[in-house]
Amino acid sequence: MNKLTQEMPLSMPIKPPSATHAESRKAAGAAQDTAAPQNKTTVQEKIAPQDKAAPSSIAVGITALFKGLEKTLTLLMVLALVAMIVLVFVNVVLRYGFNSGISISVELSRFLFVWVTFMGAVTALIRQEHLSVNTFADKLPAAMRAGLDRLVTLAMLGCCLMLLKGSYAQTVLNWSNLSPISGIPVGVFYLAGLMAGVLMSLILLWRLLTPLTLHAVTPRVAPSHASDSQGDTP
């Protein structure tokens, strides 16, 4: 032991372990700082060009107006559904319990059902909840998907204009025909399609004239490979 201690130099520098940890943390921080600008540039490259332009206050205001229309139609649909439930339930109770009934309830329920259907189509269009297949569109770049969204919106506008034209012709043709029990014009059935065609045409026309980001049609950032593997949609 004495020989080993004599051979060992007394001035050997001993590096504390804390210094090594501090240097490793500094090196990791420097690596993150150098990688951060690259990540920012990649994220900016993924942003679609049409997302850089901020929508005007008028566009935001009219879009908010359509949102208010959606809330109003939702309230009307709730009231119509409640009226349908009450009419049908009371009519069934009176028919099987008291051998009587409300004759007008059948036709009123039919009219309300048609109007609820078309109002629901308008609200679904505002909420972007109509059935769509995005398997091909999700694999396209942001710029190509923006053009595809415009093309699909234009096709939908053409269909709504055809609905508007046909519903208008049927409304005028059947307005003089009255229902046998309630006396309501049969054209009220087709008036629901006419109103839906007008509202949906206005909504789609406005979407063609405003940025896609205002309606959340095209994603702002391209989906990553991790989200695709998990089955997430942008």
Protein backbone atom coordinates (compact mmCIF):
# COMPACT_ATOMS: atom_id res chain seq x y z
CA MET A 1 0.00 0.00 0.00
CA ASN A 2 2.74 2.45 0.84
CA LYS A 3 4.42 1.73 -2.48
CA LEU A 4 1.20 2.33 -4.45
CA THR A 5 0.55 5.63 -2.69
CA GLN A 6 4.06 6.79 -3.34
CA GLU A 7 3.82 6.00 -7.07
CA MET A 8 0.43 7.77 -7.45
CA PRO A 9 0.90 11.46 -8.38
CA LEU A 10 -0.63 13.79 -5.82
CA SER A 11 -1.46 16.51 -8.34
CA MET A 12 -3.80 14.32 -10.47
CA PRO A 13 -6.81 16.48 -11.44
CA ILE A 14 -10.11 14.97 -10.38
CA LYS A 15 -13.08 16.14 -12.49
CA PRO A 16 -16.29 16.37 -10.49
CA PRO A 17 -19.23 14.39 -11.92
CA SER A 18 -21.45 17.46 -11.87
CA ALA A 19 -19.26 19.13 -14.50
CA THR A 20 -19.82 16.31 -16.97
CA HIS A 21 -23.61 16.55 -16.49
CA ALA A 22 -23.51 20.31 -16.97
CA GLU A 23 -21.52 19.97 -20.19
CA SER A 24 -23.91 17.31 -21.50
CA ARG A 25 -26.90 19.54 -20.77
CA LYS A 26 -25.23 22.45 -22.54
CA ALA A 27 -24.48 20.27 -25.56
CA ALA A 28 -28.09 19.02 -25.68
CA GLY A 29 -29.39 22.59 -25.44
CA ALA A 30 -27.14 23.71 -28.26
CA ALA A 31 -28.34 20.83 -30.41
CA GLN A 32 -31.96 21.78 -29.76
CA ASP A 33 -31.26 25.42 -30.59
CA THR A 34 -29.71 24.44 -33.91
CA ALA A 35 -32.61 22.09 -34.72
CA ALA A 36 -35.33 24.58 -33.77
CA PRO A 37 -34.93 26.89 -36.81
CA GLN A 38 -35.06 23.87 -39.09
CA ASN A 39 -38.33 22.71 -37.52
CA LYS A 40 -39.79 26.19 -37.88
CA THR A 41 -38.87 26.31 -41.54
CA THR A 42 -40.38 22.89 -42.20
CA VAL A 43 -43.63 23.91 -40.51
CA GLN A 44 -43.74 27.11 -42.53
CA GLU A 45 -43.14 25.15 -45.71
CA LYS A 46 -46.12 22.91 -44.92
CA ILE A 47 -48.47 25.85 -44.47
CA ALA A 48 -50.65 26.32 -47.51
CA PRO A 49 -50.17 29.58 -49.43
CA GLN A 50 -53.86 30.52 -49.18
CA ASP A 51 -53.68 30.30 -45.37
CA LYS A 52 -51.22 33.19 -45.14
CA ALA A 53 -53.83 35.77 -46.20
CA ALA A 54 -56.04 36.78 -43.30
CA PRO A 55 -59.76 37.02 -44.13
CA SER A 56 -61.33 40.47 -44.07
CA SER A 57 -63.74 41.64 -41.41
CA ILE A 58 -66.64 41.55 -43.90
CA ALA A 59 -65.94 37.91 -44.72
CA VAL A 60 -65.78 37.02 -41.05
CA GLY A 61 -69.02 38.90 -40.40
CA ILE A 62 -70.96 37.17 -43.18
CA THR A 63 -69.61 33.80 -42.06
CA ALA A 64 -70.85 34.62 -38.55
CA LEU A 65 -74.22 35.47 -40.11
CA PHE A 66 -74.40 31.98 -41.61
CA LYS A 67 -73.54 30.57 -38.19
CA GLY A 68 -76.46 32.51 -36.75
CA LEU A 69 -78.67 31.11 -39.51
CA GLU A 70 -77.56 27.62 -38.52
CA LYS A 71 -78.57 28.22 -34.90
CA THR A 72 -81.95 29.61 -35.98
CA LEU A 73 -82.67 26.63 -38.23
CA THR A 74 -81.62 24.26 -35.46
CA LEU A 75 -84.10 25.90 -33.09
CA LEU A 76 -86.86 25.67 -35.70
CA MET A 77 -86.09 21.99 -36.27
CA VAL A 78 -86.32 21.29 -32.55
CA LEU A 79 -89.71 23.02 -32.36
CA ALA A 80 -90.95 21.15 -35.42
CA LEU A 81 -89.82 17.81 -34.00
CA VAL A 82 -91.53 18.54 -30.69
CA ALA A 83 -94.74 19.47 -32.55
CA MET A 84 -94.56 16.25 -34.59
CA ILE A 85 -94.08 14.13 -31.46
CA VAL A 86 -96.99 15.80 -29.67
CA LEU A 87 -99.34 15.54 -32.65
CA VAL A 88 -98.60 11.89 -33.37
CA PHE A 89 -98.68 10.84 -29.71
CA VAL A 90 -101.95 12.62 -28.94
CA ASN A 91 -103.52 11.27 -32.11
CA VAL A 92 -102.55 7.68 -31.23
CA VAL A 93 -103.89 8.03 -27.68
CA LEU A 94 -107.18 9.48 -28.90
CA ARG A 95 -107.58 6.86 -31.62
CA TYR A 96 -106.92 3.77 -29.50
CA GLY A 97 -108.16 5.08 -26.17
CA PHE A 98 -111.20 7.17 -27.05
CA ASN A 99 -112.04 6.05 -30.60
CA SER A 100 -111.42 9.55 -31.98
CA GLY A 101 -108.49 11.59 -33.24
CA ILE A 102 -107.15 14.78 -34.72
CA SER A 103 -107.56 14.46 -38.47
CA ILE A 104 -105.24 17.33 -39.30
CA SER A 105 -102.32 15.83 -37.36
CA VAL A 106 -101.35 13.43 -40.17
CA GLU A 107 -100.94 16.13 -42.79
CA LEU A 108 -99.27 18.58 -40.43
CA SER A 109 -96.75 15.95 -39.38
CA ARG A 110 -96.03 15.24 -43.03
CA PHE A 111 -95.44 18.90 -43.84
CA LEU A 112 -93.20 19.36 -40.79
CA PHE A 113 -91.19 16.26 -41.62
CA VAL A 114 -90.39 17.55 -45.12
CA TRP A 115 -89.35 20.94 -43.79
CA VAL A 116 -87.17 19.40 -41.07
CA THR A 117 -85.39 17.32 -43.71
CA PHE A 118 -84.48 20.28 -45.89
CA MET A 119 -83.57 22.53 -42.95
CA GLY A 120 -81.30 19.76 -41.71
CA ALA A 121 -79.60 19.69 -45.11
CA VAL A 122 -78.85 23.42 -44.84
CA THR A 123 -77.47 23.14 -41.30
CA ALA A 124 -75.34 20.14 -42.29
CA LEU A 125 -73.86 22.18 -45.15
CA ILE A 126 -72.98 25.05 -42.81
CA ARG A 127 -71.35 22.63 -40.35
CA GLN A 128 -69.47 20.74 -43.10
CA GLU A 129 -71.18 17.51 -42.02
CA HIS A 130 -72.41 16.18 -45.36
CA LEU A 131 -71.13 12.74 -46.34
CA SER A 132 -67.78 12.88 -48.12
CA VAL A 133 -65.01 10.47 -49.11
CA ASN A 134 -61.58 12.05 -48.50
CA THR A 135 -59.35 9.03 -49.16
CA PHE A 136 -57.91 10.53 -52.33
CA ALA A 137 -58.04 14.20 -51.25
CA ASP A 138 -56.11 13.64 -48.01
CA LYS A 139 -53.11 12.34 -49.96
CA LEU A 140 -52.82 15.44 -52.14
CA PRO A 141 -50.61 18.44 -51.38
CA ALA A 142 -52.24 21.48 -49.82
CA ALA A 143 -52.27 23.49 -53.06
CA MET A 144 -53.88 20.70 -55.09
CA ARG A 145 -56.40 20.01 -52.37
CA ALA A 146 -57.39 23.68 -52.34
CA GLY A 147 -58.17 23.49 -56.05
CA LEU A 148 -60.09 20.25 -55.55
CA ASP A 149 -62.14 21.86 -52.78
CA ARG A 150 -63.05 24.70 -55.12
CA LEU A 151 -64.07 22.24 -57.83
CA VAL A 152 -66.24 20.22 -55.44
CA THR A 153 -67.88 23.38 -54.14
CA LEU A 154 -68.65 24.46 -57.69
CA ALA A 155 -70.24 21.06 -58.45
CA MET A 156 -72.36 21.30 -55.30
CA LEU A 157 -73.46 24.77 -56.32
CA GLY A 158 -74.63 23.43 -59.67
CA CYS A 159 -76.69 20.72 -57.96
CA CYS A 160 -78.26 23.25 -55.60
CA LEU A 161 -79.18 25.50 -58.52
CA MET A 162 -80.92 22.57 -60.21
CA LEU A 163 -82.76 21.87 -56.94
CA LEU A 164 -83.79 25.52 -56.76
CA LYS A 165 -85.09 25.56 -60.33
CA GLY A 166 -87.06 22.31 -60.03
CA SER A 167 -88.52 23.20 -56.63
CA TYR A 168 -89.63 26.60 -57.89
CA ALA A 169 -91.43 25.04 -60.85
CA GLN A 170 -93.18 22.48 -58.64
CA THR A 171 -94.12 25.10 -56.05
CA VAL A 172 -95.81 27.31 -58.64
CA LEU A 173 -97.49 24.32 -60.30
CA ASN A 174 -98.94 22.83 -57.08
CA TRP A 175 -99.74 25.97 -55.13
CA SER A 176 -103.36 25.95 -56.25
CA ASN A 177 -103.80 22.31 -55.17
CA LEU A 178 -105.04 22.11 -51.57
CA SER A 179 -104.66 19.27 -49.12
CA PRO A 180 -107.97 17.41 -48.59
CA ILE A 181 -107.99 17.68 -44.77
CA SER A 182 -105.97 20.72 -43.69
CA GLY A 183 -106.49 22.85 -46.79
CA ILE A 184 -102.77 23.72 -46.92
CA PRO A 185 -101.43 24.17 -50.47
CA VAL A 186 -99.48 21.17 -51.71
CA GLY A 187 -96.87 23.60 -52.99
CA VAL A 188 -95.70 24.05 -49.37
CA PHE A 189 -93.99 20.66 -49.75
CA TYR A 190 -91.88 21.96 -52.64
CA LEU A 191 -91.41 25.36 -51.00
CA ALA A 192 -89.12 23.63 -48.49
CA GLY A 193 -86.87 22.48 -51.33
CA LEU A 194 -86.96 25.97 -52.85
CA MET A 195 -85.85 27.61 -49.60
CA ALA A 196 -83.14 25.01 -49.07
CA GLY A 197 -81.88 25.49 -52.63
CA VAL A 198 -81.67 29.26 -52.17
CA LEU A 199 -79.86 29.08 -48.82
CA MET A 200 -77.41 26.37 -49.88
CA SER A 201 -76.65 28.20 -53.13
CA LEU A 202 -75.84 31.38 -51.20
CA ILE A 203 -73.61 29.47 -48.78
CA LEU A 204 -71.70 27.72 -51.56
CA LEU A 205 -71.37 30.89 -53.61
CA TRP A 206 -69.93 32.67 -50.59
CA ARG A 207 -67.44 29.87 -50.07
CA LEU A 208 -66.23 30.24 -53.62
CA LEU A 209 -65.57 33.95 -53.04
CA THR A 210 -63.84 33.68 -49.66
CA PRO A 211 -60.64 31.95 -48.45
CA LEU A 212 -60.88 28.26 -47.70
CA THR A 213 -59.32 28.75 -44.28
CA LEU A 214 -62.37 30.76 -43.23
CA HIS A 215 -64.49 27.61 -43.55
CA ALA A 216 -61.89 25.07 -42.33
CA VAL A 217 -61.97 23.12 -45.60
CA THR A 218 -58.23 22.81 -46.33
CA PRO A 219 -55.96 21.95 -43.37
CA ARG A 220 -53.44 24.62 -42.38
CA VAL A 221 -50.59 22.17 -41.81
CA ALA A 222 -50.05 19.02 -43.83
CA PRO A 223 -50.71 15.84 -41.82
CA SER A 224 -47.62 14.10 -40.47
CA HIS A 225 -46.78 10.44 -40.99
CA ALA A 226 -47.44 9.71 -37.33
CA SER A 227 -51.01 10.97 -37.55
CA ASP A 228 -51.59 8.97 -40.76
CA SER A 229 -50.41 5.78 -39.11
CA GLN A 230 -52.80 6.32 -36.21
CA GLY A 231 -55.75 6.97 -38.52
CA ASP A 232 -56.24 10.63 -37.56
CA THR A 233 -57.85 12.96 -40.06
CA PRO A 234 -56.64 16.55 -40.51
